[in-house]
Amino acid sequence: MNKEQALAVFENFKIRRSYDEESEIWYFSVVDIVAALIQQSDYQAARNYWKVLKNRLKKEGSQSVTDCNRLKMVAKDGKMRFTDVASPETLLRLIQSVPSPNAEPIKLWLAKVGYERIQDMSDPARSLDRAREYWQQHGRSEKWIQQRMMGQETRNKLTDYWKDHEIEGEDEYAILTNIIHREWSGLSVKQHRLAKDLKTQNLRDHMSEAELIFTALAELSTRQIAESVAATGMPENVDAGRKGGAISKKARLELEQKTGRSVVTGESFLPPAPQE
């Protein structure tokens, strides 16, 4: 894994973390999180607390402990040593097992998110309204929001096709998505994210109107080509993806020739960096 080491700070507690660029997930040191939760500045005491908690959770058959990984991180002595790490999703489950005033805000947030998820499942329009409100709060124009939502609908129809034609799991979805993206834009998804200086943010939420349109054109073309030949399985859908992406690439190059401007840019909606 290509990981970026960094520190996060929570109420003066330093929390080691590592960013996995392949999965686009932050992994945090569990013992550091525990130390912050129980307000324990003594690393060994926090480590012992986590050891006892982990053994108890194992006996209870908790999936949270199973989902923890081990990564090398900088220890107190400056050396790289293995320590338990977890994704935010796993950590939020573990936090509920730690009696701490600092855990309460997270527990309330989890309850709120869970309730909203139940509402979204019974009424999908609620999630669309919430997304629109989120984008409005972040200053997106109505034109951009409309294009973003239309692009998402196009994306959903493509993934629905894949699901029904022997494309299995997020890994295969990601491979096909990357093929389509590289074909139309000239960049892999990862390269496009790096160009926009994105970490955990959604790439499409930081695309320009033009980037959204050409992404949608590539995915629409891919689906229609796949449907026309009943593409099934990876090899046939890879071929459809390359052909669909090529249609969008041709349109992109023609537009760039006419306007003299690149469609694919490093621009994003990230807030400006603070001035030193």
C-alpha atoms as a PDB file:
ATOM      1  CA  MET A   1       0.000   0.000   0.000  1.00  0.00           C
ATOM      2  CA  ASN A   2       1.188   3.470  -0.775  1.00  0.00           C
ATOM      3  CA  LYS A   3       0.617   5.264   2.513  1.00  0.00           C
ATOM      4  CA  GLU A   4       1.083   8.840   3.659  1.00  0.00           C
ATOM      5  CA  GLN A   5       1.969   9.120   7.344  1.00  0.00           C
ATOM      6  CA  ALA A   6       0.514  12.041   9.275  1.00  0.00           C
ATOM      7  CA  LEU A   7      -0.639  13.147  12.710  1.00  0.00           C
ATOM      8  CA  ALA A   8      -4.050  14.291  13.768  1.00  0.00           C
ATOM      9  CA  VAL A   9      -4.655  16.199  16.989  1.00  0.00           C
ATOM     10  CA  PHE A  10      -7.670  15.665  19.244  1.00  0.00           C
ATOM     11  CA  GLU A  11      -7.790  17.774  22.430  1.00  0.00           C
ATOM     12  CA  ASN A  12      -3.973  17.905  22.589  1.00  0.00           C
ATOM     13  CA  PHE A  13      -3.647  14.156  21.993  1.00  0.00           C
ATOM     14  CA  LYS A  14      -1.541  13.276  18.960  1.00  0.00           C
ATOM     15  CA  ILE A  15      -3.127  10.511  16.899  1.00  0.00           C
ATOM     16  CA  ARG A  16      -1.031   8.681  14.347  1.00  0.00           C
ATOM     17  CA  ARG A  17      -2.705   7.942  11.053  1.00  0.00           C
ATOM     18  CA  SER A  18      -1.835   6.616   7.621  1.00  0.00           C
ATOM     19  CA  TYR A  19      -3.553   7.303   4.304  1.00  0.00           C
ATOM     20  CA  ASP A  20      -3.912   4.379   1.907  1.00  0.00           C
ATOM     21  CA  GLU A  21      -4.054   5.875  -1.579  1.00  0.00           C
ATOM     22  CA  GLU A  22      -5.254   2.618  -3.155  1.00  0.00           C
ATOM     23  CA  SER A  23      -8.363   2.285  -0.995  1.00  0.00           C
ATOM     24  CA  GLU A  24      -8.542   6.070  -0.305  1.00  0.00           C
ATOM     25  CA  ILE A  25      -9.041   5.422   3.414  1.00  0.00           C
ATOM     26  CA  TRP A  26      -7.377   6.904   6.493  1.00  0.00           C
ATOM     27  CA  TYR A  27      -6.232   4.349   9.095  1.00  0.00           C
ATOM     28  CA  PHE A  28      -5.811   5.610  12.668  1.00  0.00           C
ATOM     29  CA  SER A  29      -3.791   4.186  15.554  1.00  0.00           C
ATOM     30  CA  VAL A  30      -6.337   2.519  17.842  1.00  0.00           C
ATOM     31  CA  VAL A  31      -4.270   2.967  20.999  1.00  0.00           C
ATOM     32  CA  ASP A  32      -3.909   6.700  20.267  1.00  0.00           C
ATOM     33  CA  ILE A  33      -7.680   7.011  19.875  1.00  0.00           C
ATOM     34  CA  VAL A  34      -8.176   5.100  23.125  1.00  0.00           C
ATOM     35  CA  ALA A  35      -5.712   7.405  24.904  1.00  0.00           C
ATOM     36  CA  ALA A  36      -7.708  10.431  23.781  1.00  0.00           C
ATOM     37  CA  LEU A  37     -11.000   8.862  24.809  1.00  0.00           C
ATOM     38  CA  ILE A  38      -9.883   7.932  28.322  1.00  0.00           C
ATOM     39  CA  GLN A  39      -7.736  11.092  28.649  1.00  0.00           C
ATOM     40  CA  GLN A  40      -4.636   9.024  29.387  1.00  0.00           C
ATOM     41  CA  SER A  41      -1.332  10.684  28.489  1.00  0.00           C
ATOM     42  CA  ASP A  42       0.659   7.622  29.586  1.00  0.00           C
ATOM     43  CA  TYR A  43       1.081   5.591  26.397  1.00  0.00           C
ATOM     44  CA  GLN A  44       1.702   2.304  28.248  1.00  0.00           C
ATOM     45  CA  ALA A  45      -1.465   2.750  30.322  1.00  0.00           C
ATOM     46  CA  ALA A  46      -3.501   3.409  27.168  1.00  0.00           C
ATOM     47  CA  ARG A  47      -1.887   0.400  25.498  1.00  0.00           C
ATOM     48  CA  ASN A  48      -2.831  -1.829  28.454  1.00  0.00           C
ATOM     49  CA  TYR A  49      -6.407  -0.496  28.380  1.00  0.00           C
ATOM     50  CA  TRP A  50      -6.698  -1.355  24.694  1.00  0.00           C
ATOM     51  CA  LYS A  51      -5.158  -4.813  25.294  1.00  0.00           C
ATOM     52  CA  VAL A  52      -7.791  -5.630  27.934  1.00  0.00           C
ATOM     53  CA  LEU A  53     -10.610  -4.162  25.800  1.00  0.00           C
ATOM     54  CA  LYS A  54      -9.461  -6.069  22.712  1.00  0.00           C
ATOM     55  CA  ASN A  55      -9.405  -9.384  24.584  1.00  0.00           C
ATOM     56  CA  ARG A  56     -12.904  -8.756  25.950  1.00  0.00           C
ATOM     57  CA  LEU A  57     -14.252  -7.866  22.512  1.00  0.00           C
ATOM     58  CA  LYS A  58     -12.634 -10.969  21.018  1.00  0.00           C
ATOM     59  CA  LYS A  59     -14.375 -13.171  23.582  1.00  0.00           C
ATOM     60  CA  GLU A  60     -17.656 -11.450  22.716  1.00  0.00           C
ATOM     61  CA  GLY A  61     -17.071 -12.221  19.031  1.00  0.00           C
ATOM     62  CA  SER A  62     -16.919  -8.546  18.062  1.00  0.00           C
ATOM     63  CA  GLN A  63     -16.316  -7.948  14.352  1.00  0.00           C
ATOM     64  CA  SER A  64     -14.640  -4.634  15.235  1.00  0.00           C
ATOM     65  CA  VAL A  65     -11.493  -6.348  16.507  1.00  0.00           C
ATOM     66  CA  THR A  66     -11.408  -8.625  13.446  1.00  0.00           C
ATOM     67  CA  ASP A  67     -11.561  -5.552  11.196  1.00  0.00           C
ATOM     68  CA  CYS A  68      -8.497  -3.970  12.806  1.00  0.00           C
ATOM     69  CA  ASN A  69      -5.263  -4.152  10.814  1.00  0.00           C
ATOM     70  CA  ARG A  70      -1.624  -3.752  11.813  1.00  0.00           C
ATOM     71  CA  LEU A  71       0.660  -1.183  10.249  1.00  0.00           C
ATOM     72  CA  LYS A  72       4.121   0.123  11.044  1.00  0.00           C
ATOM     73  CA  MET A  73       3.981   3.611  12.551  1.00  0.00           C
ATOM     74  CA  VAL A  74       6.523   5.814  14.314  1.00  0.00           C
ATOM     75  CA  ALA A  75       6.670   4.783  17.985  1.00  0.00           C
ATOM     76  CA  LYS A  76       7.720   6.850  21.012  1.00  0.00           C
ATOM     77  CA  ASP A  77      11.339   5.797  20.510  1.00  0.00           C
ATOM     78  CA  GLY A  78      11.281   7.048  16.917  1.00  0.00           C
ATOM     79  CA  LYS A  79      11.391   3.577  15.405  1.00  0.00           C
ATOM     80  CA  MET A  80       8.803   2.099  13.036  1.00  0.00           C
ATOM     81  CA  ARG A  81       6.797  -0.484  14.954  1.00  0.00           C
ATOM     82  CA  PHE A  82       3.615  -2.428  14.228  1.00  0.00           C
ATOM     83  CA  THR A  83       0.482  -1.143  15.927  1.00  0.00           C
ATOM     84  CA  ASP A  84      -3.242  -1.822  15.610  1.00  0.00           C
ATOM     85  CA  VAL A  85      -5.005   0.537  13.204  1.00  0.00           C
ATOM     86  CA  ALA A  86      -8.593   0.877  12.064  1.00  0.00           C
ATOM     87  CA  SER A  87     -10.636   2.718   9.479  1.00  0.00           C
ATOM     88  CA  PRO A  88     -13.066   5.438  10.634  1.00  0.00           C
ATOM     89  CA  GLU A  89     -15.983   3.026  10.225  1.00  0.00           C
ATOM     90  CA  THR A  90     -14.388   0.402  12.471  1.00  0.00           C
ATOM     91  CA  LEU A  91     -13.256   3.029  14.980  1.00  0.00           C
ATOM     92  CA  LEU A  92     -16.764   4.377  15.362  1.00  0.00           C
ATOM     93  CA  ARG A  93     -17.893   0.894  16.383  1.00  0.00           C
ATOM     94  CA  LEU A  94     -14.991   0.479  18.811  1.00  0.00           C
ATOM     95  CA  ILE A  95     -15.584   3.890  20.364  1.00  0.00           C
ATOM     96  CA  GLN A  96     -18.997   2.745  21.498  1.00  0.00           C
ATOM     97  CA  SER A  97     -17.270   0.174  23.713  1.00  0.00           C
ATOM     98  CA  VAL A  98     -15.273   2.830  25.582  1.00  0.00           C
ATOM     99  CA  PRO A  99     -17.089   4.656  28.401  1.00  0.00           C
ATOM    100  CA  SER A 100     -15.922   8.223  27.863  1.00  0.00           C
ATOM    101  CA  PRO A 101     -17.507  11.692  27.759  1.00  0.00           C
ATOM    102  CA  ASN A 102     -15.549  12.273  24.542  1.00  0.00           C
ATOM    103  CA  ALA A 103     -17.384   9.362  22.924  1.00  0.00           C
ATOM    104  CA  GLU A 104     -20.818  10.833  23.497  1.00  0.00           C
ATOM    105  CA  PRO A 105     -20.786  13.370  20.620  1.00  0.00           C
ATOM    106  CA  ILE A 106     -19.727  10.579  18.245  1.00  0.00           C
ATOM    107  CA  LYS A 107     -22.441   8.255  19.571  1.00  0.00           C
ATOM    108  CA  LEU A 108     -25.063  10.960  19.021  1.00  0.00           C
ATOM    109  CA  TRP A 109     -23.728  11.560  15.522  1.00  0.00           C
ATOM    110  CA  LEU A 110     -23.871   7.832  14.776  1.00  0.00           C
ATOM    111  CA  ALA A 111     -27.471   7.681  15.966  1.00  0.00           C
ATOM    112  CA  LYS A 112     -28.365  10.640  13.763  1.00  0.00           C
ATOM    113  CA  VAL A 113     -26.658   9.162  10.703  1.00  0.00           C
ATOM    114  CA  GLY A 114     -28.305   5.792  11.310  1.00  0.00           C
ATOM    115  CA  TYR A 115     -31.727   7.395  11.594  1.00  0.00           C
ATOM    116  CA  GLU A 116     -31.138   9.391   8.397  1.00  0.00           C
ATOM    117  CA  ARG A 117     -30.030   6.207   6.619  1.00  0.00           C
ATOM    118  CA  ILE A 118     -33.284   4.458   7.589  1.00  0.00           C
ATOM    119  CA  GLN A 119     -35.233   7.454   6.286  1.00  0.00           C
ATOM    120  CA  ASP A 120     -33.243   7.436   3.033  1.00  0.00           C
ATOM    121  CA  MET A 121     -33.945   3.740   2.475  1.00  0.00           C
ATOM    122  CA  SER A 122     -37.690   4.276   2.843  1.00  0.00           C
ATOM    123  CA  ASP A 123     -37.667   7.522   0.847  1.00  0.00           C
ATOM    124  CA  PRO A 124     -34.640   7.843  -1.537  1.00  0.00           C
ATOM    125  CA  ALA A 125     -35.694  11.393  -2.441  1.00  0.00           C
ATOM    126  CA  ARG A 126     -34.556  12.474   1.036  1.00  0.00           C
ATOM    127  CA  SER A 127     -30.944  11.579   0.273  1.00  0.00           C
ATOM    128  CA  LEU A 128     -31.122  13.527  -2.997  1.00  0.00           C
ATOM    129  CA  ASP A 129     -32.506  16.545  -1.160  1.00  0.00           C
ATOM    130  CA  ARG A 130     -29.755  16.245   1.441  1.00  0.00           C
ATOM    131  CA  ALA A 131     -27.086  16.103  -1.256  1.00  0.00           C
ATOM    132  CA  ARG A 132     -28.536  19.161  -2.996  1.00  0.00           C
ATOM    133  CA  GLU A 133     -28.600  21.066   0.289  1.00  0.00           C
ATOM    134  CA  TYR A 134     -24.991  20.068   1.003  1.00  0.00           C
ATOM    135  CA  TRP A 135     -23.793  21.332  -2.378  1.00  0.00           C
ATOM    136  CA  GLN A 136     -25.770  24.568  -1.998  1.00  0.00           C
ATOM    137  CA  GLN A 137     -24.174  25.184   1.395  1.00  0.00           C
ATOM    138  CA  HIS A 138     -20.775  24.805  -0.246  1.00  0.00           C
ATOM    139  CA  GLY A 139     -21.529  27.403  -2.878  1.00  0.00           C
ATOM    140  CA  ARG A 140     -22.262  25.228  -5.915  1.00  0.00           C
ATOM    141  CA  SER A 141     -24.431  26.804  -8.590  1.00  0.00           C
ATOM    142  CA  GLU A 142     -27.803  25.331  -9.497  1.00  0.00           C
ATOM    143  CA  LYS A 143     -26.422  24.532 -12.944  1.00  0.00           C
ATOM    144  CA  TRP A 144     -23.517  22.581 -11.409  1.00  0.00           C
ATOM    145  CA  ILE A 145     -25.829  20.753  -8.989  1.00  0.00           C
ATOM    146  CA  GLN A 146     -28.142  19.739 -11.815  1.00  0.00           C
ATOM    147  CA  GLN A 147     -25.218  18.378 -13.821  1.00  0.00           C
ATOM    148  CA  ARG A 148     -23.817  16.553 -10.783  1.00  0.00           C
ATOM    149  CA  MET A 149     -27.139  14.827 -10.115  1.00  0.00           C
ATOM    150  CA  MET A 150     -27.679  13.927 -13.771  1.00  0.00           C
ATOM    151  CA  GLY A 151     -24.176  12.490 -13.865  1.00  0.00           C
ATOM    152  CA  GLN A 152     -24.896  10.406 -10.777  1.00  0.00           C
ATOM    153  CA  GLU A 153     -28.027   8.998 -12.398  1.00  0.00           C
ATOM    154  CA  THR A 154     -25.979   8.050 -15.466  1.00  0.00           C
ATOM    155  CA  ARG A 155     -23.407   6.418 -13.196  1.00  0.00           C
ATOM    156  CA  ASN A 156     -26.079   4.455 -11.322  1.00  0.00           C
ATOM    157  CA  LYS A 157     -27.516   3.060 -14.564  1.00  0.00           C
ATOM    158  CA  LEU A 158     -24.051   1.887 -15.602  1.00  0.00           C
ATOM    159  CA  THR A 159     -23.307   0.175 -12.283  1.00  0.00           C
ATOM    160  CA  ASP A 160     -26.768  -1.432 -12.373  1.00  0.00           C
ATOM    161  CA  TYR A 161     -25.863  -2.876 -15.783  1.00  0.00           C
ATOM    162  CA  TRP A 162     -22.536  -4.155 -14.466  1.00  0.00           C
ATOM    163  CA  LYS A 163     -24.231  -5.775 -11.480  1.00  0.00           C
ATOM    164  CA  ASP A 164     -26.583  -7.680 -13.769  1.00  0.00           C
ATOM    165  CA  HIS A 165     -23.806  -8.791 -16.127  1.00  0.00           C
ATOM    166  CA  GLU A 166     -21.280 -10.623 -13.946  1.00  0.00           C
ATOM    167  CA  ILE A 167     -19.265  -7.666 -12.670  1.00  0.00           C
ATOM    168  CA  GLU A 168     -18.657  -8.475  -9.041  1.00  0.00           C
ATOM    169  CA  GLY A 169     -17.529  -6.327  -6.136  1.00  0.00           C
ATOM    170  CA  GLU A 170     -16.121  -2.857  -5.703  1.00  0.00           C
ATOM    171  CA  ASP A 171     -12.695  -3.879  -7.008  1.00  0.00           C
ATOM    172  CA  GLU A 172     -14.025  -4.756 -10.469  1.00  0.00           C
ATOM    173  CA  TYR A 173     -16.220  -1.625 -10.482  1.00  0.00           C
ATOM    174  CA  ALA A 174     -13.123   0.448  -9.671  1.00  0.00           C
ATOM    175  CA  ILE A 175     -11.069  -1.179 -12.445  1.00  0.00           C
ATOM    176  CA  LEU A 176     -13.743  -0.486 -15.064  1.00  0.00           C
ATOM    177  CA  THR A 177     -14.290   3.057 -13.784  1.00  0.00           C
ATOM    178  CA  ASN A 178     -10.578   3.753 -14.017  1.00  0.00           C
ATOM    179  CA  ILE A 179     -10.392   2.387 -17.582  1.00  0.00           C
ATOM    180  CA  ILE A 180     -13.261   4.642 -18.695  1.00  0.00           C
ATOM    181  CA  HIS A 181     -11.805   7.650 -16.881  1.00  0.00           C
ATOM    182  CA  ARG A 182      -8.299   7.225 -18.257  1.00  0.00           C
ATOM    183  CA  GLU A 183      -9.653   6.724 -21.764  1.00  0.00           C
ATOM    184  CA  TRP A 184     -11.651   9.967 -21.887  1.00  0.00           C
ATOM    185  CA  SER A 185      -9.478  12.213 -19.713  1.00  0.00           C
ATOM    186  CA  GLY A 186      -5.946  10.938 -20.254  1.00  0.00           C
ATOM    187  CA  LEU A 187      -5.568  10.542 -16.471  1.00  0.00           C
ATOM    188  CA  SER A 188      -6.307   7.722 -14.081  1.00  0.00           C
ATOM    189  CA  VAL A 189      -8.764   8.474 -11.287  1.00  0.00           C
ATOM    190  CA  LYS A 190      -5.831   8.610  -8.859  1.00  0.00           C
ATOM    191  CA  GLN A 191      -3.888  11.043 -11.073  1.00  0.00           C
ATOM    192  CA  HIS A 192      -6.946  13.255 -11.454  1.00  0.00           C
ATOM    193  CA  ARG A 193      -7.411  13.317  -7.666  1.00  0.00           C
ATOM    194  CA  LEU A 194      -3.749  14.205  -7.146  1.00  0.00           C
ATOM    195  CA  ALA A 195      -4.016  17.009  -9.703  1.00  0.00           C
ATOM    196  CA  LYS A 196      -6.846  18.491  -7.631  1.00  0.00           C
ATOM    197  CA  ASP A 197      -4.963  17.894  -4.342  1.00  0.00           C
ATOM    198  CA  LEU A 198      -7.755  15.675  -2.996  1.00  0.00           C
ATOM    199  CA  LYS A 199      -7.364  13.190  -0.150  1.00  0.00           C
ATOM    200  CA  THR A 200     -10.593  11.613   1.056  1.00  0.00           C
ATOM    201  CA  GLN A 201     -12.915  13.925  -0.898  1.00  0.00           C
ATOM    202  CA  ASN A 202     -15.143  12.634  -3.684  1.00  0.00           C
ATOM    203  CA  LEU A 203     -13.527  13.430  -7.045  1.00  0.00           C
ATOM    204  CA  ARG A 204     -16.843  14.171  -8.742  1.00  0.00           C
ATOM    205  CA  ASP A 205     -17.737  16.706  -6.058  1.00  0.00           C
ATOM    206  CA  HIS A 206     -14.688  18.675  -7.196  1.00  0.00           C
ATOM    207  CA  MET A 207     -15.132  18.400 -10.950  1.00  0.00           C
ATOM    208  CA  SER A 208     -15.948  21.381 -13.115  1.00  0.00           C
ATOM    209  CA  GLU A 209     -19.190  21.395 -15.082  1.00  0.00           C
ATOM    210  CA  ALA A 210     -17.267  20.322 -18.191  1.00  0.00           C
ATOM    211  CA  GLU A 211     -15.518  17.451 -16.384  1.00  0.00           C
ATOM    212  CA  LEU A 212     -18.887  16.213 -15.107  1.00  0.00           C
ATOM    213  CA  ILE A 213     -20.382  16.350 -18.594  1.00  0.00           C
ATOM    214  CA  PHE A 214     -17.565  14.417 -20.248  1.00  0.00           C
ATOM    215  CA  THR A 215     -17.525  11.853 -17.423  1.00  0.00           C
ATOM    216  CA  ALA A 216     -21.260  11.328 -17.945  1.00  0.00           C
ATOM    217  CA  LEU A 217     -20.825  11.085 -21.718  1.00  0.00           C
ATOM    218  CA  ALA A 218     -18.139   8.415 -21.289  1.00  0.00           C
ATOM    219  CA  GLU A 219     -20.303   6.384 -18.903  1.00  0.00           C
ATOM    220  CA  LEU A 220     -23.458   6.795 -20.961  1.00  0.00           C
ATOM    221  CA  SER A 221     -21.597   5.691 -24.103  1.00  0.00           C
ATOM    222  CA  THR A 222     -20.084   2.737 -22.233  1.00  0.00           C
ATOM    223  CA  ARG A 223     -23.466   1.511 -21.044  1.00  0.00           C
ATOM    224  CA  GLN A 224     -25.139   1.850 -24.425  1.00  0.00           C
ATOM    225  CA  ILE A 225     -22.273   0.069 -26.186  1.00  0.00           C
ATOM    226  CA  ALA A 226     -22.351  -2.686 -23.559  1.00  0.00           C
ATOM    227  CA  GLU A 227     -26.117  -3.039 -23.957  1.00  0.00           C
ATOM    228  CA  SER A 228     -25.834  -3.227 -27.743  1.00  0.00           C
ATOM    229  CA  VAL A 229     -23.598  -6.301 -27.545  1.00  0.00           C
ATOM    230  CA  ALA A 230     -24.902  -7.659 -24.206  1.00  0.00           C
ATOM    231  CA  ALA A 231     -21.406  -7.357 -22.745  1.00  0.00           C
ATOM    232  CA  THR A 232     -20.986  -9.829 -19.884  1.00  0.00           C
ATOM    233  CA  GLY A 233     -18.021 -10.318 -17.564  1.00  0.00           C
ATOM    234  CA  MET A 234     -14.834  -8.285 -17.282  1.00  0.00           C
ATOM    235  CA  PRO A 235     -13.203  -8.693 -20.736  1.00  0.00           C
ATOM    236  CA  GLU A 236     -16.312  -7.652 -22.662  1.00  0.00           C
ATOM    237  CA  ASN A 237     -17.094  -4.753 -20.308  1.00  0.00           C
ATOM    238  CA  VAL A 238     -13.479  -3.578 -20.417  1.00  0.00           C
ATOM    239  CA  ASP A 239     -13.809  -3.386 -24.200  1.00  0.00           C
ATOM    240  CA  ALA A 240     -17.089  -1.455 -23.898  1.00  0.00           C
ATOM    241  CA  GLY A 241     -15.469   0.889 -21.360  1.00  0.00           C
ATOM    242  CA  ARG A 242     -12.563   1.702 -23.665  1.00  0.00           C
ATOM    243  CA  LYS A 243     -14.886   2.366 -26.589  1.00  0.00           C
ATOM    244  CA  GLY A 244     -17.236   4.490 -24.478  1.00  0.00           C
ATOM    245  CA  GLY A 245     -14.351   6.486 -23.044  1.00  0.00           C
ATOM    246  CA  ALA A 246     -12.912   7.004 -26.531  1.00  0.00           C
ATOM    247  CA  ILE A 247     -16.154   8.642 -27.695  1.00  0.00           C
ATOM    248  CA  SER A 248     -15.927  11.161 -24.859  1.00  0.00           C
ATOM    249  CA  LYS A 249     -12.207  11.676 -25.534  1.00  0.00           C
ATOM    250  CA  LYS A 250     -12.898  12.550 -29.168  1.00  0.00           C
ATOM    251  CA  ALA A 251     -15.494  15.126 -28.107  1.00  0.00           C
ATOM    252  CA  ARG A 252     -13.137  16.530 -25.451  1.00  0.00           C
ATOM    253  CA  LEU A 253     -10.261  16.989 -27.885  1.00  0.00           C
ATOM    254  CA  GLU A 254     -12.527  18.715 -30.390  1.00  0.00           C
ATOM    255  CA  LEU A 255     -13.823  21.123 -27.755  1.00  0.00           C
ATOM    256  CA  GLU A 256     -10.307  21.862 -26.501  1.00  0.00           C
ATOM    257  CA  GLN A 257      -9.194  22.573 -30.067  1.00  0.00           C
ATOM    258  CA  LYS A 258     -12.060  25.031 -30.553  1.00  0.00           C
ATOM    259  CA  THR A 259     -11.669  26.801 -27.185  1.00  0.00           C
ATOM    260  CA  GLY A 260      -7.947  26.543 -26.539  1.00  0.00           C
ATOM    261  CA  ARG A 261      -8.710  25.456 -22.964  1.00  0.00           C
ATOM    262  CA  SER A 262      -8.177  22.120 -21.258  1.00  0.00           C
ATOM    263  CA  VAL A 263     -11.288  20.358 -19.998  1.00  0.00           C
ATOM    264  CA  VAL A 264      -9.369  18.368 -17.372  1.00  0.00           C
ATOM    265  CA  THR A 265      -7.923  20.719 -14.755  1.00  0.00           C
ATOM    266  CA  GLY A 266      -6.431  20.748 -11.283  1.00  0.00           C
ATOM    267  CA  GLU A 267      -9.109  23.145 -10.095  1.00  0.00           C
ATOM    268  CA  SER A 268     -11.316  22.056  -7.202  1.00  0.00           C
ATOM    269  CA  PHE A 269     -13.735  23.410  -4.635  1.00  0.00           C
ATOM    270  CA  LEU A 270     -11.282  22.957  -1.756  1.00  0.00           C
ATOM    271  CA  PRO A 271     -11.096  25.937   0.622  1.00  0.00           C
ATOM    272  CA  PRO A 272      -8.013  28.128   0.111  1.00  0.00           C
ATOM    273  CA  ALA A 273      -4.978  27.168   2.141  1.00  0.00           C
ATOM    274  CA  PRO A 274      -4.513  29.349   5.262  1.00  0.00           C
ATOM    275  CA  GLN A 275      -1.977  32.112   4.938  1.00  0.00           C
ATOM    276  CA  GLU A 276       1.124  31.687   7.075  1.00  0.00           C
END
